[in-house]
Amino acid sequence: MTVFGRTLDGQELFALASLLTLLAFWLFVLPRERNYARWFKQWEAARRAQRLGRDGDTTEPRRHPRGPWG
């Protein structure tokens, strides 16, 4: 088999097929991983808000101001 004018032997064909398979695998895995990370951040924020007793109400002033200027 020739690719770009170069003859490929069995080992090079296997390496090319492996790299293409790995690329296809990551194209399926990466979006799922990003969705899981997004879900986990939302879950953790909801858990923290529930633990602090805020339940999504952001009109309440903060108890501890941030920084020296409040």
PDB file of N, CA and C in Angstrom:
ATOM      1  N   MET A   1       0.855  -1.169   0.000  1.00  0.00           N
ATOM      2  CA  MET A   1       0.000   0.000   0.000  1.00  0.00           C
ATOM      3  C   MET A   1       0.902   1.233   0.000  1.00  0.00           C
ATOM      4  N   THR A   2       0.516   2.241  -0.756  1.00  0.00           N
ATOM      5  CA  THR A   2       1.288   3.483  -0.791  1.00  0.00           C
ATOM      6  C   THR A   2       0.422   4.631  -0.304  1.00  0.00           C
ATOM      7  N   VAL A   3       1.015   5.467   0.532  1.00  0.00           N
ATOM      8  CA  VAL A   3       0.356   6.675   1.034  1.00  0.00           C
ATOM      9  C   VAL A   3       1.321   7.823   0.816  1.00  0.00           C
ATOM     10  N   PHE A   4       0.882   8.835   0.075  1.00  0.00           N
ATOM     11  CA  PHE A   4       1.716   9.991  -0.260  1.00  0.00           C
ATOM     12  C   PHE A   4       3.030   9.571  -0.909  1.00  0.00           C
ATOM     13  N   GLY A   5       2.985   8.571  -1.753  1.00  0.00           N
ATOM     14  CA  GLY A   5       4.162   8.131  -2.479  1.00  0.00           C
ATOM     15  C   GLY A   5       5.114   7.262  -1.670  1.00  0.00           C
ATOM     16  N   ARG A   6       4.717   6.855  -0.474  1.00  0.00           N
ATOM     17  CA  ARG A   6       5.580   6.029   0.374  1.00  0.00           C
ATOM     18  C   ARG A   6       4.919   4.662   0.544  1.00  0.00           C
ATOM     19  N   THR A   7       5.705   3.611   0.379  1.00  0.00           N
ATOM     20  CA  THR A   7       5.189   2.262   0.547  1.00  0.00           C
ATOM     21  C   THR A   7       5.202   1.914   2.031  1.00  0.00           C
ATOM     22  N   LEU A   8       4.048   1.456   2.529  1.00  0.00           N
ATOM     23  CA  LEU A   8       3.918   1.114   3.941  1.00  0.00           C
ATOM     24  C   LEU A   8       3.967  -0.401   4.114  1.00  0.00           C
ATOM     25  N   ASP A   9       4.715  -0.858   5.102  1.00  0.00           N
ATOM     26  CA  ASP A   9       4.755  -2.287   5.386  1.00  0.00           C
ATOM     27  C   ASP A   9       3.701  -2.602   6.458  1.00  0.00           C
ATOM     28  N   GLY A  10       3.662  -3.817   6.930  1.00  0.00           N
ATOM     29  CA  GLY A  10       2.648  -4.266   7.885  1.00  0.00           C
ATOM     30  C   GLY A  10       2.673  -3.518   9.196  1.00  0.00           C
ATOM     31  N   GLN A  11       3.860  -3.279   9.731  1.00  0.00           N
ATOM     32  CA  GLN A  11       3.974  -2.595  11.011  1.00  0.00           C
ATOM     33  C   GLN A  11       3.486  -1.148  10.912  1.00  0.00           C
ATOM     34  N   GLU A  12       3.812  -0.477   9.832  1.00  0.00           N
ATOM     35  CA  GLU A  12       3.368   0.902   9.646  1.00  0.00           C
ATOM     36  C   GLU A  12       1.862   0.968   9.411  1.00  0.00           C
ATOM     37  N   LEU A  13       1.299  -0.010   8.707  1.00  0.00           N
ATOM     38  CA  LEU A  13      -0.152  -0.064   8.527  1.00  0.00           C
ATOM     39  C   LEU A  13      -0.857  -0.272   9.859  1.00  0.00           C
ATOM     40  N   PHE A  14      -0.311  -1.162  10.686  1.00  0.00           N
ATOM     41  CA  PHE A  14      -0.900  -1.406  11.994  1.00  0.00           C
ATOM     42  C   PHE A  14      -0.840  -0.140  12.851  1.00  0.00           C
ATOM     43  N   ALA A  15       0.269   0.585  12.822  1.00  0.00           N
ATOM     44  CA  ALA A  15       0.400   1.817  13.586  1.00  0.00           C
ATOM     45  C   ALA A  15      -0.603   2.867  13.102  1.00  0.00           C
ATOM     46  N   LEU A  16      -0.767   2.990  11.793  1.00  0.00           N
ATOM     47  CA  LEU A  16      -1.716   3.946  11.236  1.00  0.00           C
ATOM     48  C   LEU A  16      -3.148   3.584  11.639  1.00  0.00           C
ATOM     49  N   ALA A  17      -3.492   2.305  11.544  1.00  0.00           N
ATOM     50  CA  ALA A  17      -4.834   1.867  11.943  1.00  0.00           C
ATOM     51  C   ALA A  17      -5.058   2.098  13.438  1.00  0.00           C
ATOM     52  N   SER A  18      -4.045   1.864  14.249  1.00  0.00           N
ATOM     53  CA  SER A  18      -4.172   2.076  15.688  1.00  0.00           C
ATOM     54  C   SER A  18      -4.381   3.552  16.010  1.00  0.00           C
ATOM     55  N   LEU A  19      -3.644   4.420  15.349  1.00  0.00           N
ATOM     56  CA  LEU A  19      -3.805   5.849  15.590  1.00  0.00           C
ATOM     57  C   LEU A  19      -5.180   6.343  15.161  1.00  0.00           C
ATOM     58  N   LEU A  20      -5.673   5.853  14.044  1.00  0.00           N
ATOM     59  CA  LEU A  20      -7.009   6.242  13.598  1.00  0.00           C
ATOM     60  C   LEU A  20      -8.088   5.726  14.545  1.00  0.00           C
ATOM     61  N   THR A  21      -7.900   4.519  15.060  1.00  0.00           N
ATOM     62  CA  THR A  21      -8.841   3.969  16.033  1.00  0.00           C
ATOM     63  C   THR A  21      -8.831   4.786  17.319  1.00  0.00           C
ATOM     64  N   LEU A  22      -7.654   5.158  17.765  1.00  0.00           N
ATOM     65  CA  LEU A  22      -7.548   5.973  18.967  1.00  0.00           C
ATOM     66  C   LEU A  22      -8.189   7.342  18.773  1.00  0.00           C
ATOM     67  N   LEU A  23      -8.012   7.943  17.618  1.00  0.00           N
ATOM     68  CA  LEU A  23      -8.640   9.225  17.326  1.00  0.00           C
ATOM     69  C   LEU A  23     -10.165   9.098  17.367  1.00  0.00           C
ATOM     70  N   ALA A  24     -10.696   8.064  16.755  1.00  0.00           N
ATOM     71  CA  ALA A  24     -12.148   7.840  16.769  1.00  0.00           C
ATOM     72  C   ALA A  24     -12.643   7.620  18.193  1.00  0.00           C
ATOM     73  N   PHE A  25     -11.892   6.881  18.982  1.00  0.00           N
ATOM     74  CA  PHE A  25     -12.264   6.637  20.377  1.00  0.00           C
ATOM     75  C   PHE A  25     -12.361   7.952  21.142  1.00  0.00           C
ATOM     76  N   TRP A  26     -11.363   8.823  20.999  1.00  0.00           N
ATOM     77  CA  TRP A  26     -11.373  10.086  21.723  1.00  0.00           C
ATOM     78  C   TRP A  26     -12.463  11.024  21.226  1.00  0.00           C
ATOM     79  N   LEU A  27     -12.840  10.917  19.951  1.00  0.00           N
ATOM     80  CA  LEU A  27     -13.934  11.745  19.456  1.00  0.00           C
ATOM     81  C   LEU A  27     -15.255  11.387  20.116  1.00  0.00           C
ATOM     82  N   PHE A  28     -15.398  10.141  20.554  1.00  0.00           N
ATOM     83  CA  PHE A  28     -16.602   9.726  21.265  1.00  0.00           C
ATOM     84  C   PHE A  28     -16.487   9.975  22.766  1.00  0.00           C
ATOM     85  N   VAL A  29     -15.326   9.828  23.335  1.00  0.00           N
ATOM     86  CA  VAL A  29     -15.148   9.924  24.784  1.00  0.00           C
ATOM     87  C   VAL A  29     -15.094  11.370  25.267  1.00  0.00           C
ATOM     88  N   LEU A  30     -14.435  12.245  24.541  1.00  0.00           N
ATOM     89  CA  LEU A  30     -14.232  13.614  24.997  1.00  0.00           C
ATOM     90  C   LEU A  30     -15.538  14.366  25.283  1.00  0.00           C
ATOM     91  N   PRO A  31     -16.544  14.336  24.416  1.00  0.00           N
ATOM     92  CA  PRO A  31     -17.797  15.043  24.748  1.00  0.00           C
ATOM     93  C   PRO A  31     -18.471  14.482  26.000  1.00  0.00           C
ATOM     94  N   ARG A  32     -18.423  13.171  26.168  1.00  0.00           N
ATOM     95  CA  ARG A  32     -19.023  12.578  27.370  1.00  0.00           C
ATOM     96  C   ARG A  32     -18.287  13.025  28.621  1.00  0.00           C
ATOM     97  N   GLU A  33     -16.979  13.109  28.548  1.00  0.00           N
ATOM     98  CA  GLU A  33     -16.182  13.544  29.696  1.00  0.00           C
ATOM     99  C   GLU A  33     -16.479  15.008  30.035  1.00  0.00           C
ATOM    100  N   ARG A  34     -16.618  15.837  29.028  1.00  0.00           N
ATOM    101  CA  ARG A  34     -16.941  17.244  29.274  1.00  0.00           C
ATOM    102  C   ARG A  34     -18.332  17.384  29.873  1.00  0.00           C
ATOM    103  N   ASN A  35     -19.301  16.598  29.396  1.00  0.00           N
ATOM    104  CA  ASN A  35     -20.642  16.641  29.966  1.00  0.00           C
ATOM    105  C   ASN A  35     -20.631  16.187  31.417  1.00  0.00           C
ATOM    106  N   TYR A  36     -19.842  15.162  31.717  1.00  0.00           N
ATOM    107  CA  TYR A  36     -19.760  14.691  33.092  1.00  0.00           C
ATOM    108  C   TYR A  36     -19.150  15.760  33.990  1.00  0.00           C
ATOM    109  N   ALA A  37     -18.111  16.438  33.540  1.00  0.00           N
ATOM    110  CA  ALA A  37     -17.484  17.496  34.337  1.00  0.00           C
ATOM    111  C   ALA A  37     -18.471  18.637  34.576  1.00  0.00           C
ATOM    112  N   ARG A  38     -19.228  19.004  33.558  1.00  0.00           N
ATOM    113  CA  ARG A  38     -20.232  20.060  33.699  1.00  0.00           C
ATOM    114  C   ARG A  38     -21.316  19.648  34.692  1.00  0.00           C
ATOM    115  N   TRP A  39     -21.790  18.398  34.576  1.00  0.00           N
ATOM    116  CA  TRP A  39     -22.805  17.902  35.503  1.00  0.00           C
ATOM    117  C   TRP A  39     -22.274  17.895  36.927  1.00  0.00           C
ATOM    118  N   PHE A  40     -21.038  17.457  37.123  1.00  0.00           N
ATOM    119  CA  PHE A  40     -20.475  17.371  38.464  1.00  0.00           C
ATOM    120  C   PHE A  40     -20.344  18.753  39.099  1.00  0.00           C
ATOM    121  N   LYS A  41     -19.942  19.758  38.323  1.00  0.00           N
ATOM    122  CA  LYS A  41     -19.841  21.114  38.863  1.00  0.00           C
ATOM    123  C   LYS A  41     -21.208  21.628  39.300  1.00  0.00           C
ATOM    124  N   GLN A  42     -22.234  21.370  38.500  1.00  0.00           N
ATOM    125  CA  GLN A  42     -23.575  21.798  38.874  1.00  0.00           C
ATOM    126  C   GLN A  42     -24.068  21.057  40.109  1.00  0.00           C
ATOM    127  N   TRP A  43     -23.813  19.779  40.187  1.00  0.00           N
ATOM    128  CA  TRP A  43     -24.221  18.979  41.335  1.00  0.00           C
ATOM    129  C   TRP A  43     -23.527  19.462  42.604  1.00  0.00           C
ATOM    130  N   GLU A  44     -22.225  19.736  42.491  1.00  0.00           N
ATOM    131  CA  GLU A  44     -21.466  20.185  43.644  1.00  0.00           C
ATOM    132  C   GLU A  44     -21.943  21.560  44.110  1.00  0.00           C
ATOM    133  N   ALA A  45     -22.253  22.458  43.189  1.00  0.00           N
ATOM    134  CA  ALA A  45     -22.752  23.781  43.556  1.00  0.00           C
ATOM    135  C   ALA A  45     -24.118  23.676  44.236  1.00  0.00           C
ATOM    136  N   ALA A  46     -24.976  22.815  43.725  1.00  0.00           N
ATOM    137  CA  ALA A  46     -26.289  22.625  44.342  1.00  0.00           C
ATOM    138  C   ALA A  46     -26.152  22.024  45.733  1.00  0.00           C
ATOM    139  N   ARG A  47     -25.249  21.084  45.889  1.00  0.00           N
ATOM    140  CA  ARG A  47     -25.021  20.452  47.187  1.00  0.00           C
ATOM    141  C   ARG A  47     -24.490  21.469  48.196  1.00  0.00           C
ATOM    142  N   ARG A  48     -23.553  22.300  47.747  1.00  0.00           N
ATOM    143  CA  ARG A  48     -22.990  23.323  48.623  1.00  0.00           C
ATOM    144  C   ARG A  48     -24.055  24.342  49.021  1.00  0.00           C
ATOM    145  N   ALA A  49     -24.891  24.755  48.067  1.00  0.00           N
ATOM    146  CA  ALA A  49     -25.952  25.712  48.368  1.00  0.00           C
ATOM    147  C   ALA A  49     -26.961  25.113  49.340  1.00  0.00           C
ATOM    148  N   GLN A  50     -27.281  23.861  49.171  1.00  0.00           N
ATOM    149  CA  GLN A  50     -28.225  23.211  50.076  1.00  0.00           C
ATOM    150  C   GLN A  50     -27.612  23.080  51.467  1.00  0.00           C
ATOM    151  N   ARG A  51     -26.328  22.767  51.528  1.00  0.00           N
ATOM    152  CA  ARG A  51     -25.669  22.615  52.818  1.00  0.00           C
ATOM    153  C   ARG A  51     -25.600  23.950  53.554  1.00  0.00           C
ATOM    154  N   LEU A  52     -25.415  25.031  52.827  1.00  0.00           N
ATOM    155  CA  LEU A  52     -25.376  26.344  53.446  1.00  0.00           C
ATOM    156  C   LEU A  52     -26.764  26.911  53.694  1.00  0.00           C
ATOM    157  N   GLY A  53     -27.784  26.239  53.173  1.00  0.00           N
ATOM    158  CA  GLY A  53     -29.160  26.664  53.416  1.00  0.00           C
ATOM    159  C   GLY A  53     -29.609  27.805  52.547  1.00  0.00           C
ATOM    160  N   ARG A  54     -29.011  27.960  51.385  1.00  0.00           N
ATOM    161  CA  ARG A  54     -29.370  29.085  50.529  1.00  0.00           C
ATOM    162  C   ARG A  54     -30.446  28.725  49.514  1.00  0.00           C
ATOM    163  N   ASP A  55     -30.492  27.512  49.061  1.00  0.00           N
ATOM    164  CA  ASP A  55     -31.501  27.030  48.102  1.00  0.00           C
ATOM    165  C   ASP A  55     -31.666  27.945  46.896  1.00  0.00           C
ATOM    166  N   GLY A  56     -30.589  28.551  46.446  1.00  0.00           N
ATOM    167  CA  GLY A  56     -30.629  29.356  45.237  1.00  0.00           C
ATOM    168  C   GLY A  56     -31.015  30.803  45.449  1.00  0.00           C
ATOM    169  N   ASP A  57     -31.260  31.235  46.679  1.00  0.00           N
ATOM    170  CA  ASP A  57     -31.614  32.625  46.937  1.00  0.00           C
ATOM    171  C   ASP A  57     -30.338  33.443  47.035  1.00  0.00           C
ATOM    172  N   THR A  58     -30.111  34.326  46.055  1.00  0.00           N
ATOM    173  CA  THR A  58     -28.875  35.107  46.026  1.00  0.00           C
ATOM    174  C   THR A  58     -29.084  36.538  46.507  1.00  0.00           C
ATOM    175  N   THR A  59     -30.303  36.894  46.984  1.00  0.00           N
ATOM    176  CA  THR A  59     -30.551  38.257  47.447  1.00  0.00           C
ATOM    177  C   THR A  59     -30.011  38.478  48.854  1.00  0.00           C
ATOM    178  N   GLU A  60     -29.709  37.433  49.546  1.00  0.00           N
ATOM    179  CA  GLU A  60     -29.191  37.527  50.908  1.00  0.00           C
ATOM    180  C   GLU A  60     -27.753  38.054  50.895  1.00  0.00           C
ATOM    181  N   PRO A  61     -27.414  39.050  51.735  1.00  0.00           N
ATOM    182  CA  PRO A  61     -26.036  39.553  51.734  1.00  0.00           C
ATOM    183  C   PRO A  61     -25.061  38.510  52.289  1.00  0.00           C
ATOM    184  N   ARG A  62     -23.815  38.636  51.878  1.00  0.00           N
ATOM    185  CA  ARG A  62     -22.797  37.694  52.325  1.00  0.00           C
ATOM    186  C   ARG A  62     -22.430  37.970  53.780  1.00  0.00           C
ATOM    187  N   ARG A  63     -22.125  36.936  54.491  1.00  0.00           N
ATOM    188  CA  ARG A  63     -21.724  37.078  55.892  1.00  0.00           C
ATOM    189  C   ARG A  63     -20.261  37.492  55.999  1.00  0.00           C
ATOM    190  N   HIS A  64     -19.432  36.989  55.119  1.00  0.00           N
ATOM    191  CA  HIS A  64     -18.006  37.264  55.159  1.00  0.00           C
ATOM    192  C   HIS A  64     -17.607  37.977  53.874  1.00  0.00           C
ATOM    193  N   PRO A  65     -17.368  39.278  53.923  1.00  0.00           N
ATOM    194  CA  PRO A  65     -16.957  39.974  52.686  1.00  0.00           C
ATOM    195  C   PRO A  65     -15.585  39.518  52.245  1.00  0.00           C
ATOM    196  N   ARG A  66     -15.364  39.612  50.977  1.00  0.00           N
ATOM    197  CA  ARG A  66     -14.078  39.198  50.405  1.00  0.00           C
ATOM    198  C   ARG A  66     -13.163  40.402  50.261  1.00  0.00           C
ATOM    199  N   GLY A  67     -11.932  40.232  50.656  1.00  0.00           N
ATOM    200  CA  GLY A  67     -10.927  41.261  50.459  1.00  0.00           C
ATOM    201  C   GLY A  67     -11.016  42.372  51.485  1.00  0.00           C
ATOM    202  N   PRO A  68     -10.057  43.281  51.509  1.00  0.00           N
ATOM    203  CA  PRO A  68     -10.033  44.346  52.496  1.00  0.00           C
ATOM    204  C   PRO A  68     -11.066  45.440  52.247  1.00  0.00           C
ATOM    205  N   TRP A  69     -11.649  45.515  51.034  1.00  0.00           N
ATOM    206  CA  TRP A  69     -12.619  46.543  50.727  1.00  0.00           C
ATOM    207  C   TRP A  69     -14.061  46.056  50.802  1.00  0.00           C
ATOM    208  N   GLY A  70     -14.242  44.806  51.198  1.00  0.00           N
ATOM    209  CA  GLY A  70     -15.588  44.268  51.343  1.00  0.00           C
ATOM    210  C   GLY A  70     -16.023  43.680  50.119  1.00  0.00           C
TER     211      GLY A  70
END
